[in-house]
Amino acid sequence: MRDSYERFFSQGYISKDQFFEFGLSETIYAPLDKAESAWKELKNRVHSNQQVFIRGFGRNSNGTHLFQAFYADVLKNNQVTVDPTNNAQPTKLIRDLTGYSKTKSNKHEPIQNYQISHIFGRTKNVFAFTAPWNIVYMPKMLDPFTGHEAKGSMIDEYKDLFQKQSFKHFEPLINDYNALITSPSLVDSIHQYLDKIEQDKNLDGKDVSKLRASILEEITPIIL
């Protein structure tokens, strides 16, 4: 197997371990105390039917209404909104929590060649898309090791290190999320809703199948 990443490191410019260490050490996280406050606020907005955000579902987000109906039924929140740029709300959150901004700002310290990354994905999960424990600034040069298109053992190795470091930094908050997302009442409500829509003759069977698969992938605990 010819792997371009392996061929790069074989040239001796920098070792794989050095590159990984750079990426991990240069990842910018929200301070735990600020993240804790933001996490409490997010949970409150979800549970009190205030506006919260997700990324769109389906091609051109044309299936998002199915996720919105799901949240309106299961969480009693009908204020779930699609992020207009797929990253506007996470960008605002990480900027405010860290004090760093990728755009010119009088209130924040400028940074460049960093990108915003969702550590654990789950971008259609209202508890995770704008969760402070799920969003970081990371050096852009690490994108080949975290992007969806990248594959290989080296990718898996870095992703594992990155997620473990992130879990350790935010462990109390992620444990709280896991307890919330696995609560018997929520799990039962999710499965009752999925069973109900499968019997709904007004819904397209393919749409229901895609929604079920996405919900069962997105609304899940974080286990490393």
Protein backbone atom coordinates (compact mmCIF):
# COMPACT_ATOMS: atom_id res chain seq x y z
CA MET A 1 0.00 0.00 0.00
CA ARG A 2 1.49 3.34 -1.07
CA ASP A 3 0.65 5.88 1.64
CA SER A 4 1.61 9.50 0.91
CA TYR A 5 1.74 10.38 4.62
CA GLU A 6 4.14 7.56 5.36
CA ARG A 7 6.29 8.59 2.40
CA PHE A 8 6.42 12.16 3.70
CA PHE A 9 7.63 11.14 7.14
CA SER A 10 10.13 8.68 5.65
CA GLN A 11 12.02 11.64 4.15
CA GLY A 12 13.18 12.65 7.63
CA TYR A 13 11.90 16.22 7.67
CA ILE A 14 10.09 15.56 10.93
CA SER A 15 9.13 12.33 12.66
CA LYS A 16 5.57 11.16 12.95
CA ASP A 17 5.76 11.36 16.75
CA GLN A 18 7.05 14.94 16.60
CA PHE A 19 4.27 15.93 14.22
CA PHE A 20 1.64 14.31 16.40
CA GLU A 21 3.03 15.98 19.51
CA PHE A 22 2.90 19.36 17.77
CA GLY A 23 -0.72 18.85 16.79
CA LEU A 24 -1.78 17.75 20.27
CA SER A 25 0.11 20.50 22.09
CA GLU A 26 -1.15 23.23 19.75
CA THR A 27 -4.81 22.28 20.02
CA ILE A 28 -6.68 25.09 21.77
CA TYR A 29 -9.41 24.07 24.21
CA ALA A 30 -11.92 26.15 26.13
CA PRO A 31 -10.99 26.43 29.84
CA LEU A 32 -12.91 23.85 31.84
CA ASP A 33 -14.72 26.38 34.07
CA LYS A 34 -15.99 28.39 31.11
CA ALA A 35 -16.90 25.22 29.27
CA GLU A 36 -18.88 24.01 32.26
CA SER A 37 -20.96 27.20 32.32
CA ALA A 38 -21.58 27.03 28.58
CA TRP A 39 -22.60 23.37 28.83
CA LYS A 40 -25.15 24.16 31.56
CA GLU A 41 -26.56 26.97 29.42
CA LEU A 42 -26.86 24.68 26.39
CA LYS A 43 -28.71 22.00 28.36
CA ASN A 44 -31.06 24.63 29.74
CA ARG A 45 -31.83 26.00 26.26
CA VAL A 46 -32.61 22.51 24.98
CA HIS A 47 -34.89 21.62 27.88
CA SER A 48 -36.68 24.97 28.07
CA ASN A 49 -37.60 25.13 24.38
CA GLN A 50 -35.16 27.89 23.49
CA GLN A 51 -33.28 28.18 20.22
CA VAL A 52 -30.52 25.63 19.67
CA PHE A 53 -28.60 24.66 16.54
CA ILE A 54 -27.65 21.65 14.42
CA ARG A 55 -26.19 21.08 10.97
CA GLY A 56 -28.63 20.28 8.21
CA PHE A 57 -29.72 16.73 7.44
CA GLY A 58 -29.78 15.27 3.95
CA ARG A 59 -28.72 16.67 0.60
CA ASN A 60 -28.92 20.47 0.70
CA SER A 61 -30.37 20.06 4.20
CA ASN A 62 -33.72 19.11 2.65
CA GLY A 63 -34.36 16.46 5.31
CA THR A 64 -33.73 18.69 8.30
CA HIS A 65 -37.45 19.03 9.03
CA LEU A 66 -37.41 15.33 9.98
CA PHE A 67 -34.81 15.96 12.69
CA GLN A 68 -36.71 19.04 13.84
CA ALA A 69 -39.90 16.98 14.18
CA PHE A 70 -37.92 14.40 16.14
CA TYR A 71 -36.65 16.98 18.63
CA ALA A 72 -40.07 18.61 18.93
CA ASP A 73 -41.55 15.24 19.90
CA VAL A 74 -38.78 13.69 22.00
CA LEU A 75 -37.31 16.77 23.68
CA LYS A 76 -40.33 19.07 23.39
CA ASN A 77 -38.13 21.65 21.67
CA ASN A 78 -39.48 23.19 18.47
CA GLN A 79 -36.78 25.87 18.26
CA VAL A 80 -34.09 23.68 16.67
CA THR A 81 -32.45 25.75 13.92
CA VAL A 82 -30.03 24.89 11.12
CA ASP A 83 -26.72 26.70 11.50
CA PRO A 84 -26.63 29.09 8.51
CA THR A 85 -23.03 28.29 7.59
CA ASN A 86 -22.67 24.86 9.26
CA ASN A 87 -20.13 26.44 11.63
CA ALA A 88 -21.33 29.92 12.62
CA GLN A 89 -22.47 28.99 16.12
CA PRO A 90 -19.46 26.78 16.99
CA THR A 91 -17.21 29.58 15.72
CA LYS A 92 -18.87 32.14 17.99
CA LEU A 93 -18.72 29.77 20.96
CA ILE A 94 -15.03 28.80 20.71
CA ARG A 95 -14.08 32.44 20.08
CA ASP A 96 -15.89 33.63 23.20
CA LEU A 97 -14.65 30.80 25.41
CA THR A 98 -10.98 30.91 24.39
CA GLY A 99 -10.53 34.61 23.62
CA TYR A 100 -9.04 33.80 20.20
CA SER A 101 -10.54 34.83 16.87
CA LYS A 102 -9.78 33.84 13.28
CA THR A 103 -11.20 37.18 12.13
CA LYS A 104 -10.18 40.69 13.11
CA SER A 105 -11.65 41.64 16.45
CA ASN A 106 -11.05 44.27 19.10
CA LYS A 107 -12.17 41.88 21.82
CA HIS A 108 -10.18 38.77 20.91
CA GLU A 109 -6.59 37.82 20.19
CA PRO A 110 -6.13 37.05 16.47
CA ILE A 111 -4.97 33.65 15.26
CA GLN A 112 -4.50 32.28 11.78
CA ASN A 113 -3.99 28.90 10.13
CA TYR A 114 -6.17 27.28 12.76
CA GLN A 115 -9.48 25.62 12.02
CA ILE A 116 -12.47 24.72 14.13
CA SER A 117 -13.01 21.01 14.61
CA HIS A 118 -15.76 18.92 16.20
CA ILE A 119 -13.80 16.40 18.25
CA PHE A 120 -16.48 13.72 18.38
CA GLY A 121 -18.68 14.69 15.43
CA ARG A 122 -22.42 14.36 16.20
CA THR A 123 -23.23 17.62 14.43
CA LYS A 124 -26.97 16.87 14.16
CA ASN A 125 -27.17 16.25 17.90
CA VAL A 126 -28.50 19.35 19.73
CA PHE A 127 -26.46 18.45 22.79
CA ALA A 128 -23.21 18.09 20.82
CA PHE A 129 -23.12 20.51 17.87
CA THR A 130 -22.52 23.54 20.09
CA ALA A 131 -21.20 21.68 23.12
CA PRO A 132 -18.06 23.40 24.44
CA TRP A 133 -16.48 19.98 25.09
CA ASN A 134 -16.83 19.07 21.40
CA ILE A 135 -15.19 22.09 19.75
CA VAL A 136 -11.53 23.10 19.49
CA TYR A 137 -9.15 25.19 17.43
CA MET A 138 -6.54 22.97 15.80
CA PRO A 139 -3.64 23.71 13.42
CA LYS A 140 -4.84 23.51 9.82
CA MET A 141 -1.92 21.28 8.89
CA LEU A 142 -3.51 18.56 11.03
CA ASP A 143 -6.64 18.47 8.87
CA PRO A 144 -5.31 15.53 6.81
CA PHE A 145 -5.33 13.50 10.04
CA THR A 146 -8.84 14.40 11.18
CA GLY A 147 -10.83 14.97 7.98
CA HIS A 148 -13.50 12.53 6.86
CA GLU A 149 -11.63 11.62 3.69
CA ALA A 150 -8.38 10.57 5.38
CA LYS A 151 -7.85 6.86 5.98
CA GLY A 152 -5.15 4.53 7.25
CA SER A 153 -3.52 3.33 10.44
CA MET A 154 -1.69 6.63 10.97
CA ILE A 155 -4.99 8.50 10.79
CA ASP A 156 -6.56 6.14 13.31
CA GLU A 157 -3.55 6.57 15.61
CA TYR A 158 -3.74 10.36 15.64
CA LYS A 159 -7.51 10.42 15.99
CA ASP A 160 -7.25 8.10 18.99
CA LEU A 161 -4.62 10.30 20.67
CA PHE A 162 -6.58 13.47 19.90
CA GLN A 163 -9.87 12.15 21.24
CA LYS A 164 -8.30 10.68 24.36
CA GLN A 165 -6.55 13.96 25.16
CA SER A 166 -9.80 15.85 24.58
CA PHE A 167 -11.82 13.43 26.71
CA LYS A 168 -9.35 13.87 29.56
CA HIS A 169 -9.57 17.66 29.33
CA PHE A 170 -13.38 17.67 29.40
CA GLU A 171 -14.02 14.41 31.27
CA PRO A 172 -16.59 15.70 33.83
CA LEU A 173 -18.65 17.35 31.10
CA ILE A 174 -18.52 14.40 28.73
CA ASN A 175 -19.48 12.04 31.54
CA ASP A 176 -22.45 14.28 32.24
CA TYR A 177 -23.42 14.20 28.56
CA ASN A 178 -23.11 10.41 28.51
CA ALA A 179 -25.39 10.10 31.54
CA LEU A 180 -27.94 12.39 29.90
CA ILE A 181 -27.90 10.67 26.52
CA THR A 182 -28.19 7.15 28.00
CA SER A 183 -30.93 7.96 30.51
CA PRO A 184 -33.68 5.31 30.24
CA SER A 185 -36.40 7.92 29.72
CA LEU A 186 -34.60 9.48 26.74
CA VAL A 187 -33.65 6.14 25.21
CA ASP A 188 -37.23 4.91 25.51
CA SER A 189 -38.61 8.11 23.99
CA ILE A 190 -36.24 7.84 21.03
CA HIS A 191 -37.22 4.27 20.24
CA GLN A 192 -40.92 4.99 20.71
CA TYR A 193 -40.63 7.86 18.24
CA LEU A 194 -38.79 5.76 15.69
CA ASP A 195 -41.37 2.99 15.98
CA LYS A 196 -44.14 5.56 15.54
CA ILE A 197 -42.81 7.16 12.37
CA GLU A 198 -42.22 3.76 10.78
CA GLN A 199 -45.99 3.31 10.94
CA ASP A 200 -46.68 6.75 9.47
CA LYS A 201 -47.91 6.23 5.92
CA ASN A 202 -47.44 9.93 5.14
CA LEU A 203 -43.66 9.57 5.38
CA ASP A 204 -41.43 8.09 2.70
CA GLY A 205 -39.96 4.77 3.82
CA LYS A 206 -36.48 5.66 2.56
CA ASP A 207 -36.52 8.95 4.45
CA VAL A 208 -37.56 7.17 7.63
CA SER A 209 -34.81 4.60 7.21
CA LYS A 210 -32.15 7.31 6.72
CA LEU A 211 -33.47 9.25 9.69
CA ARG A 212 -33.42 6.20 11.94
CA ALA A 213 -29.82 5.40 10.97
CA SER A 214 -28.70 8.99 11.54
CA ILE A 215 -30.46 9.33 14.91
CA LEU A 216 -28.98 6.08 16.18
CA GLU A 217 -25.53 7.28 15.06
CA GLU A 218 -25.82 10.85 16.34
CA ILE A 219 -27.69 10.49 19.63
CA THR A 220 -25.10 8.27 21.25
CA PRO A 221 -22.68 8.37 24.20
CA ILE A 222 -18.98 9.03 23.71
CA ILE A 223 -17.04 5.88 24.42
CA LEU A 224 -13.33 5.59 23.60
